[in-house]
Amino acid sequence: MANPKKTVVIGASTNPARYSYMAVHRLVDAGHPVIPVGLKKGDVAGIEILHGQPEISDVDTVTLYVGPAHQDVYKEYVRKLNPKRVIFNPGTINPDWMSELENASIEVVNGCTLVMLSIGSF
């Protein structure tokens, strides 16, 4: 991979039917370093799911799989991660938070990580 992007997946799951699970696998397959963050213990794609708000440095991308009703606890955390961009996947769109991130000079993407990976725009 010419340009691997360290990616934090918020809302990571061990359930193969969840899009966050699929995204972690596809990111790993594409050669991106992945840090899954979620509520339940376990691993996905051979990577341990981290809990709470672990310190992570040099984050390129945060991709969200947590709906707006559960995002407040992550707002300050995502700012501290200081990513270059945050991807709001379907079902996670939050216009207020998106504006806050843009005002903090963080790129906001209203898209789908899985589609972006499949068409080479990740």
C-alpha atoms as a PDB file:
ATOM      1  CA  MET A   1       0.000   0.000   0.000  1.00  0.00           C
ATOM      2  CA  ALA A   2       1.417   3.334  -1.058  1.00  0.00           C
ATOM      3  CA  ASN A   3      -0.414   5.457   1.514  1.00  0.00           C
ATOM      4  CA  PRO A   4      -1.655   3.533   4.558  1.00  0.00           C
ATOM      5  CA  LYS A   5      -4.005   5.552   6.749  1.00  0.00           C
ATOM      6  CA  LYS A   6      -4.088   4.777  10.476  1.00  0.00           C
ATOM      7  CA  THR A   7      -7.802   4.400  11.143  1.00  0.00           C
ATOM      8  CA  VAL A   8      -9.781   4.286  14.375  1.00  0.00           C
ATOM      9  CA  VAL A   9     -13.095   2.449  14.013  1.00  0.00           C
ATOM     10  CA  ILE A  10     -15.489   3.716  16.691  1.00  0.00           C
ATOM     11  CA  GLY A  11     -18.320   1.274  17.308  1.00  0.00           C
ATOM     12  CA  ALA A  12     -16.272  -1.821  16.448  1.00  0.00           C
ATOM     13  CA  SER A  13     -18.095  -5.112  16.882  1.00  0.00           C
ATOM     14  CA  THR A  14     -17.332  -8.834  16.930  1.00  0.00           C
ATOM     15  CA  ASN A  15     -20.615  -9.491  15.109  1.00  0.00           C
ATOM     16  CA  PRO A  16     -19.920 -10.426  11.456  1.00  0.00           C
ATOM     17  CA  ALA A  17     -23.304  -8.960  10.439  1.00  0.00           C
ATOM     18  CA  ARG A  18     -22.274  -5.455  11.582  1.00  0.00           C
ATOM     19  CA  TYR A  19     -20.828  -2.970   9.112  1.00  0.00           C
ATOM     20  CA  SER A  20     -18.124  -1.978  11.600  1.00  0.00           C
ATOM     21  CA  TYR A  21     -16.916  -5.601  11.616  1.00  0.00           C
ATOM     22  CA  MET A  22     -16.827  -5.644   7.821  1.00  0.00           C
ATOM     23  CA  ALA A  23     -15.028  -2.296   7.743  1.00  0.00           C
ATOM     24  CA  VAL A  24     -12.245  -3.471  10.068  1.00  0.00           C
ATOM     25  CA  HIS A  25     -11.675  -6.536   7.879  1.00  0.00           C
ATOM     26  CA  ARG A  26     -11.693  -4.519   4.655  1.00  0.00           C
ATOM     27  CA  LEU A  27      -9.334  -1.884   6.107  1.00  0.00           C
ATOM     28  CA  VAL A  28      -6.908  -4.591   7.226  1.00  0.00           C
ATOM     29  CA  ASP A  29      -7.150  -6.306   3.830  1.00  0.00           C
ATOM     30  CA  ALA A  30      -6.365  -2.962   2.169  1.00  0.00           C
ATOM     31  CA  GLY A  31      -3.255  -2.546   4.315  1.00  0.00           C
ATOM     32  CA  HIS A  32      -4.421   0.220   6.646  1.00  0.00           C
ATOM     33  CA  PRO A  33      -3.386   0.090  10.320  1.00  0.00           C
ATOM     34  CA  VAL A  34      -6.655  -0.276  12.258  1.00  0.00           C
ATOM     35  CA  ILE A  35      -7.562   0.385  15.882  1.00  0.00           C
ATOM     36  CA  PRO A  36     -11.049  -0.911  16.707  1.00  0.00           C
ATOM     37  CA  VAL A  37     -12.763   0.842  19.636  1.00  0.00           C
ATOM     38  CA  GLY A  38     -15.982  -0.583  21.020  1.00  0.00           C
ATOM     39  CA  LEU A  39     -18.024  -1.486  24.068  1.00  0.00           C
ATOM     40  CA  LYS A  40     -17.711  -5.274  24.124  1.00  0.00           C
ATOM     41  CA  LYS A  41     -14.599  -7.374  24.661  1.00  0.00           C
ATOM     42  CA  GLY A  42     -13.281  -9.449  21.825  1.00  0.00           C
ATOM     43  CA  ASP A  43     -11.334  -9.071  18.654  1.00  0.00           C
ATOM     44  CA  VAL A  44     -12.042  -8.453  15.034  1.00  0.00           C
ATOM     45  CA  ALA A  45      -9.689  -9.363  12.195  1.00  0.00           C
ATOM     46  CA  GLY A  46      -7.258 -10.583  14.852  1.00  0.00           C
ATOM     47  CA  ILE A  47      -7.112  -7.153  16.532  1.00  0.00           C
ATOM     48  CA  GLU A  48      -8.281  -6.621  20.105  1.00  0.00           C
ATOM     49  CA  ILE A  49     -11.185  -4.200  20.453  1.00  0.00           C
ATOM     50  CA  LEU A  50     -10.091  -1.405  22.773  1.00  0.00           C
ATOM     51  CA  HIS A  51     -12.519   0.044  25.314  1.00  0.00           C
ATOM     52  CA  GLY A  52     -13.190   3.522  26.624  1.00  0.00           C
ATOM     53  CA  GLN A  53     -11.088   6.250  25.101  1.00  0.00           C
ATOM     54  CA  PRO A  54      -7.598   4.847  24.577  1.00  0.00           C
ATOM     55  CA  GLU A  55      -4.749   7.191  23.719  1.00  0.00           C
ATOM     56  CA  ILE A  56      -3.814   6.764  20.079  1.00  0.00           C
ATOM     57  CA  SER A  57      -1.325   8.904  18.195  1.00  0.00           C
ATOM     58  CA  ASP A  58      -0.883   9.752  14.523  1.00  0.00           C
ATOM     59  CA  VAL A  59      -4.509   9.073  13.573  1.00  0.00           C
ATOM     60  CA  ASP A  60      -5.365   9.795   9.963  1.00  0.00           C
ATOM     61  CA  THR A  61      -9.026   8.760   9.955  1.00  0.00           C
ATOM     62  CA  VAL A  62     -11.819   8.109  12.414  1.00  0.00           C
ATOM     63  CA  THR A  63     -14.732   6.186  10.958  1.00  0.00           C
ATOM     64  CA  LEU A  64     -17.938   6.207  12.976  1.00  0.00           C
ATOM     65  CA  TYR A  65     -20.357   3.338  13.486  1.00  0.00           C
ATOM     66  CA  VAL A  66     -22.195   4.895  16.441  1.00  0.00           C
ATOM     67  CA  GLY A  67     -25.534   6.652  15.921  1.00  0.00           C
ATOM     68  CA  PRO A  68     -26.118  10.286  16.903  1.00  0.00           C
ATOM     69  CA  ALA A  69     -27.897   9.325  20.142  1.00  0.00           C
ATOM     70  CA  HIS A  70     -24.660   7.765  21.436  1.00  0.00           C
ATOM     71  CA  GLN A  71     -22.054  10.127  19.974  1.00  0.00           C
ATOM     72  CA  ASP A  72     -21.776  12.753  22.717  1.00  0.00           C
ATOM     73  CA  VAL A  73     -19.337  10.649  24.747  1.00  0.00           C
ATOM     74  CA  TYR A  74     -16.994  10.521  21.742  1.00  0.00           C
ATOM     75  CA  LYS A  75     -16.927  14.188  20.724  1.00  0.00           C
ATOM     76  CA  GLU A  76     -14.067  15.336  22.931  1.00  0.00           C
ATOM     77  CA  TYR A  77     -12.258  12.045  22.433  1.00  0.00           C
ATOM     78  CA  VAL A  78     -12.266  12.407  18.654  1.00  0.00           C
ATOM     79  CA  ARG A  79     -10.936  15.956  18.984  1.00  0.00           C
ATOM     80  CA  LYS A  80      -8.096  14.692  21.178  1.00  0.00           C
ATOM     81  CA  LEU A  81      -7.236  12.082  18.554  1.00  0.00           C
ATOM     82  CA  ASN A  82      -6.753  15.015  16.161  1.00  0.00           C
ATOM     83  CA  PRO A  83      -7.559  13.040  12.993  1.00  0.00           C
ATOM     84  CA  LYS A  84      -7.213  14.495   9.526  1.00  0.00           C
ATOM     85  CA  ARG A  85     -10.766  13.358   8.761  1.00  0.00           C
ATOM     86  CA  VAL A  86     -13.868  11.789  10.273  1.00  0.00           C
ATOM     87  CA  ILE A  87     -16.128   9.571   8.175  1.00  0.00           C
ATOM     88  CA  PHE A  88     -19.811   9.642   9.108  1.00  0.00           C
ATOM     89  CA  ASN A  89     -21.142   6.338   7.774  1.00  0.00           C
ATOM     90  CA  PRO A  90     -24.854   5.852   6.985  1.00  0.00           C
ATOM     91  CA  GLY A  91     -26.883   6.099  10.185  1.00  0.00           C
ATOM     92  CA  THR A  92     -24.286   8.264  11.950  1.00  0.00           C
ATOM     93  CA  ILE A  93     -24.939  11.635  10.317  1.00  0.00           C
ATOM     94  CA  ASN A  94     -24.898  14.437  12.898  1.00  0.00           C
ATOM     95  CA  PRO A  95     -24.919  17.916  11.300  1.00  0.00           C
ATOM     96  CA  ASP A  96     -24.064  19.752  14.543  1.00  0.00           C
ATOM     97  CA  TRP A  97     -21.026  17.599  15.265  1.00  0.00           C
ATOM     98  CA  MET A  98     -19.991  17.714  11.620  1.00  0.00           C
ATOM     99  CA  SER A  99     -19.963  21.521  11.800  1.00  0.00           C
ATOM    100  CA  GLU A 100     -17.943  21.440  15.035  1.00  0.00           C
ATOM    101  CA  LEU A 101     -15.332  19.224  13.400  1.00  0.00           C
ATOM    102  CA  GLU A 102     -15.141  21.395  10.297  1.00  0.00           C
ATOM    103  CA  ASN A 103     -14.690  24.462  12.511  1.00  0.00           C
ATOM    104  CA  ALA A 104     -11.757  22.625  14.129  1.00  0.00           C
ATOM    105  CA  SER A 105     -10.221  22.142  10.632  1.00  0.00           C
ATOM    106  CA  ILE A 106     -10.984  18.420  10.549  1.00  0.00           C
ATOM    107  CA  GLU A 107     -12.238  17.092   7.225  1.00  0.00           C
ATOM    108  CA  VAL A 108     -15.746  15.655   7.452  1.00  0.00           C
ATOM    109  CA  VAL A 109     -16.853  12.951   5.048  1.00  0.00           C
ATOM    110  CA  ASN A 110     -20.505  11.990   4.679  1.00  0.00           C
ATOM    111  CA  GLY A 111     -19.886   8.608   3.127  1.00  0.00           C
ATOM    112  CA  CYS A 112     -19.445   4.900   3.580  1.00  0.00           C
ATOM    113  CA  THR A 113     -16.084   3.416   4.454  1.00  0.00           C
ATOM    114  CA  LEU A 114     -16.933   0.153   2.689  1.00  0.00           C
ATOM    115  CA  VAL A 115     -17.886   1.917  -0.539  1.00  0.00           C
ATOM    116  CA  MET A 116     -14.862   4.217  -0.337  1.00  0.00           C
ATOM    117  CA  LEU A 117     -12.574   1.182  -0.017  1.00  0.00           C
ATOM    118  CA  SER A 118     -14.306  -0.644  -2.869  1.00  0.00           C
ATOM    119  CA  ILE A 119     -13.935   2.252  -5.321  1.00  0.00           C
ATOM    120  CA  GLY A 120     -10.434   3.264  -4.223  1.00  0.00           C
ATOM    121  CA  SER A 121     -11.360   6.639  -2.694  1.00  0.00           C
ATOM    122  CA  PHE A 122     -10.482   5.838   0.905  1.00  0.00           C
END
